[in-house]
């Protein structure tokens, strides 16, 4: 997969992670989208490193989508933990 595919995947994964974890985010929609993109990269890296399942070849592979969504979800949770209380 190319960089554009990962960005599209990250946008969708970030939206799905936001649906799974509703509420106000400290950075709004743009930051949530960027977290989704970063989460897709992190999830893909973790999947290929620890699960020995390369996700870089097929865009429609369920493992690719699962790792991207889980990565985005985890980064969104961490972001809320560290920066969630800065906005009153």
N, C-alpha and C. Protein backbone atom coordinates (compact mmCIF):
# COMPACT_ATOMS: atom_id res chain seq x y z
N UNK A 1 0.83 -1.18 0.00
CA UNK A 1 0.00 0.00 0.00
C UNK A 1 0.87 1.24 0.00
N UNK A 2 0.40 2.24 -0.69
CA UNK A 2 1.12 3.50 -0.73
C UNK A 2 0.72 4.42 0.40
N UNK A 3 1.38 5.54 0.47
CA UNK A 3 1.15 6.50 1.54
C UNK A 3 -0.27 7.05 1.48
N UNK A 4 -0.80 7.26 0.28
CA UNK A 4 -2.16 7.78 0.14
C UNK A 4 -3.17 6.77 0.70
N UNK A 5 -2.94 5.49 0.44
CA UNK A 5 -3.83 4.45 0.97
C UNK A 5 -3.81 4.45 2.49
N UNK A 6 -2.63 4.61 3.08
CA UNK A 6 -2.53 4.64 4.54
C UNK A 6 -3.24 5.87 5.10
N UNK A 7 -3.17 7.00 4.41
CA UNK A 7 -3.84 8.20 4.89
C UNK A 7 -5.36 8.02 4.83
N UNK A 8 -5.85 7.47 3.72
CA UNK A 8 -7.29 7.20 3.61
C UNK A 8 -7.73 6.22 4.68
N UNK A 9 -6.95 5.16 4.84
CA UNK A 9 -7.25 4.18 5.88
C UNK A 9 -7.25 4.83 7.26
N UNK A 10 -6.29 5.70 7.51
CA UNK A 10 -6.21 6.40 8.79
C UNK A 10 -7.39 7.32 9.04
N UNK A 11 -7.85 8.00 7.98
CA UNK A 11 -9.03 8.87 8.12
C UNK A 11 -10.25 8.05 8.53
N UNK A 12 -10.44 6.93 7.87
CA UNK A 12 -11.59 6.07 8.17
C UNK A 12 -11.42 5.43 9.55
N UNK A 13 -10.21 4.96 9.85
CA UNK A 13 -9.96 4.35 11.17
C UNK A 13 -10.16 5.36 12.29
N UNK A 14 -9.74 6.59 12.09
CA UNK A 14 -9.95 7.63 13.09
C UNK A 14 -11.43 7.92 13.31
N UNK A 15 -12.21 7.92 12.23
CA UNK A 15 -13.65 8.13 12.35
C UNK A 15 -14.31 6.98 13.10
N UNK A 16 -13.90 5.75 12.81
CA UNK A 16 -14.45 4.59 13.49
C UNK A 16 -14.06 4.61 14.97
N UNK A 17 -12.81 4.95 15.26
CA UNK A 17 -12.37 5.04 16.66
C UNK A 17 -13.16 6.12 17.40
N UNK A 18 -13.46 7.22 16.72
CA UNK A 18 -14.26 8.29 17.33
C UNK A 18 -15.68 7.82 17.61
N UNK A 19 -16.24 7.00 16.72
CA UNK A 19 -17.57 6.44 16.94
C UNK A 19 -17.56 5.49 18.13
N UNK A 20 -16.50 4.69 18.24
CA UNK A 20 -16.38 3.74 19.35
C UNK A 20 -16.12 4.43 20.68
N UNK A 21 -15.54 5.62 20.64
CA UNK A 21 -15.20 6.36 21.85
C UNK A 21 -15.78 7.77 21.74
N UNK A 22 -17.10 7.90 21.92
CA UNK A 22 -17.73 9.22 21.75
C UNK A 22 -17.34 10.17 22.86
N UNK A 23 -17.59 11.42 22.61
CA UNK A 23 -17.29 12.46 23.59
C UNK A 23 -16.48 13.56 22.97
N UNK A 24 -16.22 14.57 23.77
CA UNK A 24 -15.45 15.71 23.27
C UNK A 24 -13.97 15.39 23.30
N UNK A 25 -13.32 15.67 22.20
CA UNK A 25 -11.87 15.52 22.14
C UNK A 25 -11.23 16.89 22.33
N UNK A 26 -10.09 16.92 22.99
CA UNK A 26 -9.45 18.20 23.24
C UNK A 26 -9.07 18.97 21.97
N UNK A 27 -8.79 18.26 20.88
CA UNK A 27 -8.35 18.94 19.67
C UNK A 27 -9.38 19.04 18.58
N UNK A 28 -10.54 18.46 18.76
CA UNK A 28 -11.58 18.52 17.75
C UNK A 28 -11.38 17.51 16.64
N UNK A 29 -12.08 17.75 15.53
CA UNK A 29 -12.10 16.81 14.42
C UNK A 29 -10.75 16.64 13.74
N UNK A 30 -10.03 17.74 13.57
CA UNK A 30 -8.74 17.68 12.86
C UNK A 30 -7.73 16.83 13.62
N UNK A 31 -7.65 17.04 14.92
CA UNK A 31 -6.70 16.26 15.73
C UNK A 31 -7.12 14.80 15.77
N UNK A 32 -8.43 14.54 15.86
CA UNK A 32 -8.91 13.16 15.84
C UNK A 32 -8.54 12.48 14.53
N UNK A 33 -8.64 13.20 13.43
CA UNK A 33 -8.26 12.67 12.12
C UNK A 33 -6.77 12.37 12.08
N UNK A 34 -5.96 13.28 12.57
CA UNK A 34 -4.51 13.05 12.59
C UNK A 34 -4.14 11.88 13.49
N UNK A 35 -4.87 11.74 14.60
CA UNK A 35 -4.64 10.59 15.48
C UNK A 35 -5.01 9.30 14.76
N UNK A 36 -6.07 9.33 13.97
CA UNK A 36 -6.45 8.16 13.18
C UNK A 36 -5.38 7.77 12.18
N UNK A 37 -4.80 8.75 11.51
CA UNK A 37 -3.73 8.48 10.56
C UNK A 37 -2.51 7.90 11.29
N UNK A 38 -2.12 8.53 12.39
CA UNK A 38 -0.98 8.01 13.17
C UNK A 38 -1.29 6.62 13.71
N UNK A 39 -2.52 6.42 14.15
CA UNK A 39 -2.92 5.11 14.67
C UNK A 39 -2.86 4.01 13.63
N UNK A 40 -3.17 4.35 12.39
CA UNK A 40 -3.08 3.33 11.34
C UNK A 40 -1.63 2.93 11.10
N UNK A 41 -0.74 3.90 11.15
CA UNK A 41 0.68 3.57 11.00
C UNK A 41 1.19 2.76 12.20
N UNK A 42 0.84 3.20 13.40
CA UNK A 42 1.29 2.49 14.61
C UNK A 42 0.69 1.09 14.66
N UNK A 43 -0.59 0.97 14.38
CA UNK A 43 -1.24 -0.34 14.38
C UNK A 43 -0.64 -1.27 13.35
N UNK A 44 -0.36 -0.76 12.17
CA UNK A 44 0.28 -1.58 11.14
C UNK A 44 1.67 -2.02 11.54
N UNK A 45 2.42 -1.11 12.15
CA UNK A 45 3.77 -1.47 12.59
C UNK A 45 3.72 -2.52 13.69
N UNK A 46 2.82 -2.32 14.67
CA UNK A 46 2.71 -3.28 15.77
C UNK A 46 2.27 -4.65 15.26
N UNK A 47 1.35 -4.67 14.32
CA UNK A 47 0.87 -5.93 13.77
C UNK A 47 1.98 -6.68 13.04
N UNK A 48 2.75 -5.96 12.26
CA UNK A 48 3.82 -6.63 11.52
C UNK A 48 4.99 -7.00 12.43
N UNK A 49 5.22 -6.24 13.49
CA UNK A 49 6.34 -6.51 14.39
C UNK A 49 6.04 -7.64 15.37
N UNK A 50 4.90 -7.55 16.04
CA UNK A 50 4.62 -8.50 17.11
C UNK A 50 3.76 -9.69 16.69
N UNK A 51 2.89 -9.49 15.72
CA UNK A 51 2.03 -10.58 15.27
C UNK A 51 2.56 -11.26 14.01
N UNK A 52 3.63 -10.71 13.47
CA UNK A 52 4.26 -11.24 12.26
C UNK A 52 3.27 -11.36 11.12
N UNK A 53 2.37 -10.40 11.01
CA UNK A 53 1.39 -10.35 9.93
C UNK A 53 1.56 -9.03 9.20
N UNK A 54 2.16 -9.10 8.03
CA UNK A 54 2.40 -7.89 7.26
C UNK A 54 1.07 -7.32 6.77
N UNK A 55 0.83 -6.05 7.04
CA UNK A 55 -0.42 -5.41 6.64
C UNK A 55 -0.19 -4.41 5.51
N UNK A 56 1.00 -4.38 4.96
CA UNK A 56 1.33 -3.36 3.97
C UNK A 56 0.99 -3.75 2.54
N UNK A 57 0.38 -4.89 2.32
CA UNK A 57 0.17 -5.35 0.95
C UNK A 57 -1.26 -5.18 0.45
N UNK A 58 -2.25 -5.38 1.29
CA UNK A 58 -3.63 -5.41 0.83
C UNK A 58 -4.48 -4.41 1.58
N UNK A 59 -5.12 -3.50 0.86
CA UNK A 59 -5.93 -2.46 1.47
C UNK A 59 -7.19 -3.04 2.11
N UNK A 60 -7.78 -4.04 1.53
CA UNK A 60 -9.04 -4.59 2.02
C UNK A 60 -8.86 -5.76 2.98
N UNK A 61 -7.66 -6.04 3.41
CA UNK A 61 -7.41 -7.13 4.35
C UNK A 61 -7.99 -6.78 5.72
N UNK A 62 -8.80 -7.68 6.31
CA UNK A 62 -9.39 -7.37 7.63
C UNK A 62 -8.34 -7.09 8.71
N UNK A 63 -7.19 -7.75 8.63
CA UNK A 63 -6.13 -7.50 9.62
C UNK A 63 -5.60 -6.07 9.50
N UNK A 64 -5.52 -5.56 8.29
CA UNK A 64 -5.07 -4.19 8.08
C UNK A 64 -6.04 -3.22 8.72
N UNK A 65 -7.32 -3.42 8.48
CA UNK A 65 -8.34 -2.54 9.05
C UNK A 65 -8.40 -2.68 10.56
N UNK A 66 -8.33 -3.91 11.05
CA UNK A 66 -8.37 -4.12 12.50
C UNK A 66 -7.21 -3.45 13.20
N UNK A 67 -6.01 -3.60 12.66
CA UNK A 67 -4.85 -2.99 13.30
C UNK A 67 -4.91 -1.48 13.23
N UNK A 68 -5.42 -0.93 12.14
CA UNK A 68 -5.54 0.53 12.02
C UNK A 68 -6.56 1.08 13.01
N UNK A 69 -7.70 0.41 13.13
CA UNK A 69 -8.74 0.88 14.05
C UNK A 69 -8.28 0.75 15.50
N UNK A 70 -7.66 -0.37 15.84
CA UNK A 70 -7.16 -0.55 17.21
C UNK A 70 -6.07 0.48 17.51
N UNK A 71 -5.16 0.71 16.56
CA UNK A 71 -4.12 1.71 16.76
C UNK A 71 -4.70 3.10 16.96
N UNK A 72 -5.69 3.47 16.16
CA UNK A 72 -6.32 4.78 16.30
C UNK A 72 -7.07 4.89 17.63
N UNK A 73 -7.74 3.82 18.02
CA UNK A 73 -8.47 3.81 19.29
C UNK A 73 -7.52 3.99 20.47
N UNK A 74 -6.42 3.26 20.45
CA UNK A 74 -5.45 3.35 21.55
C UNK A 74 -4.84 4.75 21.62
N UNK A 75 -4.46 5.30 20.47
CA UNK A 75 -3.90 6.65 20.48
C UNK A 75 -4.92 7.69 20.92
N UNK A 76 -6.18 7.51 20.54
CA UNK A 76 -7.22 8.43 20.97
C UNK A 76 -7.43 8.36 22.49
N UNK A 77 -7.42 7.16 23.04
CA UNK A 77 -7.53 7.01 24.50
C UNK A 77 -6.35 7.68 25.19
N UNK A 78 -5.14 7.42 24.71
CA UNK A 78 -3.96 8.04 25.31
C UNK A 78 -3.99 9.55 25.20
N UNK A 79 -4.45 10.04 24.06
CA UNK A 79 -4.55 11.49 23.88
C UNK A 79 -5.53 12.09 24.88
N UNK A 80 -6.65 11.43 25.08
CA UNK A 80 -7.63 11.94 26.05
C UNK A 80 -7.09 11.87 27.48
N UNK A 81 -6.32 10.85 27.78
CA UNK A 81 -5.75 10.73 29.13
C UNK A 81 -4.77 11.87 29.39
N UNK A 82 -3.90 12.14 28.42
CA UNK A 82 -2.86 13.15 28.64
C UNK A 82 -3.32 14.58 28.42
N UNK A 83 -4.26 14.81 27.50
CA UNK A 83 -4.64 16.17 27.16
C UNK A 83 -6.13 16.46 27.37
N UNK A 84 -6.87 15.53 27.92
CA UNK A 84 -8.32 15.68 28.04
C UNK A 84 -8.78 16.73 29.01
N UNK A 85 -8.02 16.99 30.04
CA UNK A 85 -8.46 17.94 31.06
C UNK A 85 -7.92 19.35 30.84
N UNK A 86 -7.24 19.57 29.72
CA UNK A 86 -6.67 20.90 29.50
C UNK A 86 -7.68 21.90 29.00
N UNK A 87 -8.87 21.44 28.64
CA UNK A 87 -9.90 22.31 28.07
C UNK A 87 -11.11 22.34 29.00
N UNK A 88 -11.42 23.49 29.52
CA UNK A 88 -12.56 23.60 30.44
C UNK A 88 -13.65 24.45 29.87
